[in-house]
Amino acid sequence: MLYRTNSCELMARPRITLTVSDDIYQYLSDWAEREERPLANLAAYLLSQAVKERQQVEKKQNKGEGE
């Protein structure tokens, strides 16, 4: 997939390699199949959600430190 930079150039999105156990892989594969989406797309969505949750936790923690 491509995304635009500030200069309007199209660039490939960054990629990572992930290793998981067989049972996690099977669970994610089944989940992706039930949702009729690619496994990589589901994994990207789940990672994005986890990062958003972590950012909210950190924001709350930083707010508490400033008081």
PDB file of N, CA and C in Angstrom:
ATOM      1  N   MET A   1       0.841  -1.172   0.000  1.00  0.00           N
ATOM      2  CA  MET A   1       0.000   0.000   0.000  1.00  0.00           C
ATOM      3  C   MET A   1       0.885   1.234   0.000  1.00  0.00           C
ATOM      4  N   LEU A   2       0.417   2.283  -0.622  1.00  0.00           N
ATOM      5  CA  LEU A   2       1.186   3.514  -0.725  1.00  0.00           C
ATOM      6  C   LEU A   2       0.563   4.600   0.131  1.00  0.00           C
ATOM      7  N   TYR A   3       1.395   5.537   0.585  1.00  0.00           N
ATOM      8  CA  TYR A   3       0.894   6.695   1.299  1.00  0.00           C
ATOM      9  C   TYR A   3       1.626   7.927   0.805  1.00  0.00           C
ATOM     10  N   ARG A   4       1.032   9.079   1.050  1.00  0.00           N
ATOM     11  CA  ARG A   4       1.627  10.330   0.573  1.00  0.00           C
ATOM     12  C   ARG A   4       2.463  10.968   1.676  1.00  0.00           C
ATOM     13  N   THR A   5       3.593  11.523   1.280  1.00  0.00           N
ATOM     14  CA  THR A   5       4.417  12.278   2.208  1.00  0.00           C
ATOM     15  C   THR A   5       4.036  13.739   2.067  1.00  0.00           C
ATOM     16  N   ASN A   6       4.667  14.600   2.851  1.00  0.00           N
ATOM     17  CA  ASN A   6       4.374  16.033   2.777  1.00  0.00           C
ATOM     18  C   ASN A   6       4.638  16.600   1.390  1.00  0.00           C
ATOM     19  N   SER A   7       5.594  16.042   0.688  1.00  0.00           N
ATOM     20  CA  SER A   7       5.922  16.537  -0.640  1.00  0.00           C
ATOM     21  C   SER A   7       5.053  15.902  -1.728  1.00  0.00           C
ATOM     22  N   CYS A   8       4.000  15.171  -1.304  1.00  0.00           N
ATOM     23  CA  CYS A   8       3.045  14.524  -2.212  1.00  0.00           C
ATOM     24  C   CYS A   8       3.652  13.374  -3.010  1.00  0.00           C
ATOM     25  N   GLU A   9       4.811  12.878  -2.580  1.00  0.00           N
ATOM     26  CA  GLU A   9       5.377  11.702  -3.230  1.00  0.00           C
ATOM     27  C   GLU A   9       4.675  10.466  -2.685  1.00  0.00           C
ATOM     28  N   LEU A  10       4.500   9.463  -3.526  1.00  0.00           N
ATOM     29  CA  LEU A  10       3.927   8.208  -3.069  1.00  0.00           C
ATOM     30  C   LEU A  10       5.055   7.291  -2.602  1.00  0.00           C
ATOM     31  N   MET A  11       4.900   6.750  -1.396  1.00  0.00           N
ATOM     32  CA  MET A  11       5.917   5.864  -0.843  1.00  0.00           C
ATOM     33  C   MET A  11       5.249   4.623  -0.284  1.00  0.00           C
ATOM     34  N   ALA A  12       5.976   3.521  -0.258  1.00  0.00           N
ATOM     35  CA  ALA A  12       5.461   2.289   0.337  1.00  0.00           C
ATOM     36  C   ALA A  12       5.393   2.462   1.851  1.00  0.00           C
ATOM     37  N   ARG A  13       4.347   1.883   2.456  1.00  0.00           N
ATOM     38  CA  ARG A  13       4.214   1.947   3.903  1.00  0.00           C
ATOM     39  C   ARG A  13       5.285   1.068   4.543  1.00  0.00           C
ATOM     40  N   PRO A  14       5.752   1.443   5.731  1.00  0.00           N
ATOM     41  CA  PRO A  14       6.760   0.628   6.417  1.00  0.00           C
ATOM     42  C   PRO A  14       6.209  -0.768   6.728  1.00  0.00           C
ATOM     43  N   ARG A  15       7.087  -1.753   6.743  1.00  0.00           N
ATOM     44  CA  ARG A  15       6.699  -3.134   7.017  1.00  0.00           C
ATOM     45  C   ARG A  15       7.513  -3.654   8.194  1.00  0.00           C
ATOM     46  N   ILE A  16       6.931  -4.614   8.902  1.00  0.00           N
ATOM     47  CA  ILE A  16       7.652  -5.311   9.962  1.00  0.00           C
ATOM     48  C   ILE A  16       7.448  -6.807   9.777  1.00  0.00           C
ATOM     49  N   THR A  17       8.355  -7.581  10.333  1.00  0.00           N
ATOM     50  CA  THR A  17       8.228  -9.028  10.346  1.00  0.00           C
ATOM     51  C   THR A  17       7.897  -9.435  11.775  1.00  0.00           C
ATOM     52  N   LEU A  18       6.931 -10.307  11.920  1.00  0.00           N
ATOM     53  CA  LEU A  18       6.448 -10.702  13.235  1.00  0.00           C
ATOM     54  C   LEU A  18       6.429 -12.222  13.326  1.00  0.00           C
ATOM     55  N   THR A  19       6.921 -12.756  14.423  1.00  0.00           N
ATOM     56  CA  THR A  19       6.892 -14.190  14.664  1.00  0.00           C
ATOM     57  C   THR A  19       5.972 -14.465  15.842  1.00  0.00           C
ATOM     58  N   VAL A  20       5.023 -15.384  15.666  1.00  0.00           N
ATOM     59  CA  VAL A  20       4.081 -15.747  16.723  1.00  0.00           C
ATOM     60  C   VAL A  20       4.037 -17.264  16.860  1.00  0.00           C
ATOM     61  N   SER A  21       3.466 -17.729  17.954  1.00  0.00           N
ATOM     62  CA  SER A  21       3.333 -19.173  18.155  1.00  0.00           C
ATOM     63  C   SER A  21       2.299 -19.738  17.172  1.00  0.00           C
ATOM     64  N   ASP A  22       2.339 -21.046  17.003  1.00  0.00           N
ATOM     65  CA  ASP A  22       1.400 -21.704  16.094  1.00  0.00           C
ATOM     66  C   ASP A  22      -0.052 -21.466  16.496  1.00  0.00           C
ATOM     67  N   ASP A  23      -0.338 -21.531  17.808  1.00  0.00           N
ATOM     68  CA  ASP A  23      -1.721 -21.357  18.231  1.00  0.00           C
ATOM     69  C   ASP A  23      -2.210 -19.921  18.036  1.00  0.00           C
ATOM     70  N   ILE A  24      -1.346 -18.936  18.247  1.00  0.00           N
ATOM     71  CA  ILE A  24      -1.730 -17.542  17.984  1.00  0.00           C
ATOM     72  C   ILE A  24      -1.962 -17.348  16.494  1.00  0.00           C
ATOM     73  N   TYR A  25      -1.089 -17.904  15.682  1.00  0.00           N
ATOM     74  CA  TYR A  25      -1.242 -17.803  14.227  1.00  0.00           C
ATOM     75  C   TYR A  25      -2.567 -18.411  13.779  1.00  0.00           C
ATOM     76  N   GLN A  26      -2.881 -19.589  14.296  1.00  0.00           N
ATOM     77  CA  GLN A  26      -4.128 -20.255  13.904  1.00  0.00           C
ATOM     78  C   GLN A  26      -5.340 -19.439  14.342  1.00  0.00           C
ATOM     79  N   TYR A  27      -5.299 -18.920  15.561  1.00  0.00           N
ATOM     80  CA  TYR A  27      -6.416 -18.116  16.058  1.00  0.00           C
ATOM     81  C   TYR A  27      -6.615 -16.881  15.181  1.00  0.00           C
ATOM     82  N   LEU A  28      -5.521 -16.172  14.879  1.00  0.00           N
ATOM     83  CA  LEU A  28      -5.613 -14.971  14.033  1.00  0.00           C
ATOM     84  C   LEU A  28      -6.072 -15.316  12.621  1.00  0.00           C
ATOM     85  N   SER A  29      -5.589 -16.427  12.085  1.00  0.00           N
ATOM     86  CA  SER A  29      -6.006 -16.854  10.746  1.00  0.00           C
ATOM     87  C   SER A  29      -7.504 -17.130  10.702  1.00  0.00           C
ATOM     88  N   ASP A  30      -8.000 -17.820  11.717  1.00  0.00           N
ATOM     89  CA  ASP A  30      -9.439 -18.115  11.787  1.00  0.00           C
ATOM     90  C   ASP A  30     -10.243 -16.826  11.918  1.00  0.00           C
ATOM     91  N   TRP A  31      -9.766 -15.920  12.757  1.00  0.00           N
ATOM     92  CA  TRP A  31     -10.435 -14.631  12.967  1.00  0.00           C
ATOM     93  C   TRP A  31     -10.503 -13.855  11.653  1.00  0.00           C
ATOM     94  N   ALA A  32      -9.380 -13.766  10.964  1.00  0.00           N
ATOM     95  CA  ALA A  32      -9.327 -13.040   9.695  1.00  0.00           C
ATOM     96  C   ALA A  32     -10.274 -13.673   8.670  1.00  0.00           C
ATOM     97  N   GLU A  33     -10.310 -14.987   8.643  1.00  0.00           N
ATOM     98  CA  GLU A  33     -11.200 -15.678   7.708  1.00  0.00           C
ATOM     99  C   GLU A  33     -12.668 -15.374   8.016  1.00  0.00           C
ATOM    100  N   ARG A  34     -13.029 -15.384   9.301  1.00  0.00           N
ATOM    101  CA  ARG A  34     -14.412 -15.079   9.689  1.00  0.00           C
ATOM    102  C   ARG A  34     -14.802 -13.659   9.274  1.00  0.00           C
ATOM    103  N   GLU A  35     -13.842 -12.744   9.326  1.00  0.00           N
ATOM    104  CA  GLU A  35     -14.106 -11.354   8.944  1.00  0.00           C
ATOM    105  C   GLU A  35     -13.858 -11.095   7.457  1.00  0.00           C
ATOM    106  N   GLU A  36     -13.487 -12.139   6.740  1.00  0.00           N
ATOM    107  CA  GLU A  36     -13.213 -12.037   5.305  1.00  0.00           C
ATOM    108  C   GLU A  36     -12.225 -10.920   4.988  1.00  0.00           C
ATOM    109  N   ARG A  37     -11.109 -10.968   5.691  1.00  0.00           N
ATOM    110  CA  ARG A  37     -10.053  -9.984   5.460  1.00  0.00           C
ATOM    111  C   ARG A  37      -8.706 -10.689   5.506  1.00  0.00           C
ATOM    112  N   PRO A  38      -7.688 -10.104   4.902  1.00  0.00           N
ATOM    113  CA  PRO A  38      -6.358 -10.721   4.952  1.00  0.00           C
ATOM    114  C   PRO A  38      -5.801 -10.717   6.383  1.00  0.00           C
ATOM    115  N   LEU A  39      -5.033 -11.726   6.696  1.00  0.00           N
ATOM    116  CA  LEU A  39      -4.426 -11.830   8.015  1.00  0.00           C
ATOM    117  C   LEU A  39      -3.550 -10.608   8.308  1.00  0.00           C
ATOM    118  N   ALA A  40      -2.782 -10.161   7.343  1.00  0.00           N
ATOM    119  CA  ALA A  40      -1.908  -8.993   7.548  1.00  0.00           C
ATOM    120  C   ALA A  40      -2.733  -7.746   7.883  1.00  0.00           C
ATOM    121  N   ASN A  41      -3.888  -7.612   7.248  1.00  0.00           N
ATOM    122  CA  ASN A  41      -4.758  -6.470   7.512  1.00  0.00           C
ATOM    123  C   ASN A  41      -5.299  -6.530   8.941  1.00  0.00           C
ATOM    124  N   LEU A  42      -5.706  -7.702   9.396  1.00  0.00           N
ATOM    125  CA  LEU A  42      -6.187  -7.864  10.765  1.00  0.00           C
ATOM    126  C   LEU A  42      -5.077  -7.561  11.757  1.00  0.00           C
ATOM    127  N   ALA A  43      -3.887  -8.080  11.502  1.00  0.00           N
ATOM    128  CA  ALA A  43      -2.755  -7.843  12.397  1.00  0.00           C
ATOM    129  C   ALA A  43      -2.425  -6.350  12.477  1.00  0.00           C
ATOM    130  N   ALA A  44      -2.449  -5.661  11.356  1.00  0.00           N
ATOM    131  CA  ALA A  44      -2.172  -4.218  11.346  1.00  0.00           C
ATOM    132  C   ALA A  44      -3.231  -3.470  12.155  1.00  0.00           C
ATOM    133  N   TYR A  45      -4.488  -3.869  12.003  1.00  0.00           N
ATOM    134  CA  TYR A  45      -5.574  -3.240  12.754  1.00  0.00           C
ATOM    135  C   TYR A  45      -5.384  -3.459  14.259  1.00  0.00           C
ATOM    136  N   LEU A  46      -5.090  -4.709  14.650  1.00  0.00           N
ATOM    137  CA  LEU A  46      -4.920  -5.013  16.073  1.00  0.00           C
ATOM    138  C   LEU A  46      -3.735  -4.259  16.670  1.00  0.00           C
ATOM    139  N   LEU A  47      -2.638  -4.156  15.931  1.00  0.00           N
ATOM    140  CA  LEU A  47      -1.483  -3.400  16.417  1.00  0.00           C
ATOM    141  C   LEU A  47      -1.817  -1.920  16.550  1.00  0.00           C
ATOM    142  N   SER A  48      -2.547  -1.382  15.592  1.00  0.00           N
ATOM    143  CA  SER A  48      -2.948   0.033  15.655  1.00  0.00           C
ATOM    144  C   SER A  48      -3.812   0.289  16.887  1.00  0.00           C
ATOM    145  N   GLN A  49      -4.752  -0.620  17.161  1.00  0.00           N
ATOM    146  CA  GLN A  49      -5.616  -0.477  18.329  1.00  0.00           C
ATOM    147  C   GLN A  49      -4.804  -0.547  19.621  1.00  0.00           C
ATOM    148  N   ALA A  50      -3.850  -1.467  19.684  1.00  0.00           N
ATOM    149  CA  ALA A  50      -3.010  -1.605  20.872  1.00  0.00           C
ATOM    150  C   ALA A  50      -2.176  -0.340  21.106  1.00  0.00           C
ATOM    151  N   VAL A  51      -1.658   0.245  20.048  1.00  0.00           N
ATOM    152  CA  VAL A  51      -0.870   1.472  20.173  1.00  0.00           C
ATOM    153  C   VAL A  51      -1.751   2.622  20.654  1.00  0.00           C
ATOM    154  N   LYS A  52      -2.952   2.746  20.116  1.00  0.00           N
ATOM    155  CA  LYS A  52      -3.870   3.803  20.556  1.00  0.00           C
ATOM    156  C   LYS A  52      -4.187   3.667  22.038  1.00  0.00           C
ATOM    157  N   GLU A  53      -4.456   2.429  22.486  1.00  0.00           N
ATOM    158  CA  GLU A  53      -4.733   2.194  23.899  1.00  0.00           C
ATOM    159  C   GLU A  53      -3.531   2.561  24.760  1.00  0.00           C
ATOM    160  N   ARG A  54      -2.352   2.176  24.329  1.00  0.00           N
ATOM    161  CA  ARG A  54      -1.124   2.487  25.076  1.00  0.00           C
ATOM    162  C   ARG A  54      -0.907   3.995  25.152  1.00  0.00           C
ATOM    163  N   GLN A  55      -1.153   4.704  24.055  1.00  0.00           N
ATOM    164  CA  GLN A  55      -0.995   6.156  24.047  1.00  0.00           C
ATOM    165  C   GLN A  55      -1.959   6.808  25.036  1.00  0.00           C
ATOM    166  N   GLN A  56      -3.181   6.293  25.134  1.00  0.00           N
ATOM    167  CA  GLN A  56      -4.148   6.843  26.084  1.00  0.00           C
ATOM    168  C   GLN A  56      -3.685   6.609  27.520  1.00  0.00           C
ATOM    169  N   VAL A  57      -3.159   5.432  27.802  1.00  0.00           N
ATOM    170  CA  VAL A  57      -2.643   5.123  29.140  1.00  0.00           C
ATOM    171  C   VAL A  57      -1.495   6.060  29.477  1.00  0.00           C
ATOM    172  N   GLU A  58      -0.568   6.236  28.547  1.00  0.00           N
ATOM    173  CA  GLU A  58       0.579   7.113  28.782  1.00  0.00           C
ATOM    174  C   GLU A  58       0.136   8.557  28.983  1.00  0.00           C
ATOM    175  N   LYS A  59      -0.861   8.976  28.228  1.00  0.00           N
ATOM    176  CA  LYS A  59      -1.371  10.343  28.357  1.00  0.00           C
ATOM    177  C   LYS A  59      -1.948  10.554  29.754  1.00  0.00           C
ATOM    178  N   LYS A  60      -2.723   9.576  30.241  1.00  0.00           N
ATOM    179  CA  LYS A  60      -3.288   9.661  31.589  1.00  0.00           C
ATOM    180  C   LYS A  60      -2.191   9.662  32.644  1.00  0.00           C
ATOM    181  N   GLN A  61      -1.166   8.836  32.439  1.00  0.00           N
ATOM    182  CA  GLN A  61      -0.048   8.779  33.388  1.00  0.00           C
ATOM    183  C   GLN A  61       0.699  10.112  33.423  1.00  0.00           C
ATOM    184  N   ASN A  62       0.929  10.706  32.266  1.00  0.00           N
ATOM    185  CA  ASN A  62       1.632  11.976  32.199  1.00  0.00           C
ATOM    186  C   ASN A  62       0.814  13.098  32.811  1.00  0.00           C
ATOM    187  N   LYS A  63      -0.502  13.043  32.650  1.00  0.00           N
ATOM    188  CA  LYS A  63      -1.383  14.032  33.256  1.00  0.00           C
ATOM    189  C   LYS A  63      -1.280  13.971  34.772  1.00  0.00           C
ATOM    190  N   GLY A  64      -1.254  12.760  35.319  1.00  0.00           N
ATOM    191  CA  GLY A  64      -1.160  12.567  36.763  1.00  0.00           C
ATOM    192  C   GLY A  64       0.149  13.061  37.341  1.00  0.00           C
ATOM    193  N   GLU A  65       1.226  12.986  36.575  1.00  0.00           N
ATOM    194  CA  GLU A  65       2.539  13.444  37.031  1.00  0.00           C
ATOM    195  C   GLU A  65       2.606  14.952  37.086  1.00  0.00           C
ATOM    196  N   GLY A  66       1.827  15.631  36.259  1.00  0.00           N
ATOM    197  CA  GLY A  66       1.868  17.090  36.192  1.00  0.00           C
ATOM    198  C   GLY A  66       1.078  17.773  37.298  1.00  0.00           C
ATOM    199  N   GLU A  67       0.305  17.005  38.043  1.00  0.00           N
ATOM    200  CA  GLU A  67      -0.529  17.605  39.098  1.00  0.00           C
ATOM    201  C   GLU A  67       0.234  17.789  40.371  1.00  0.00           C
TER     202      GLU A  67
END
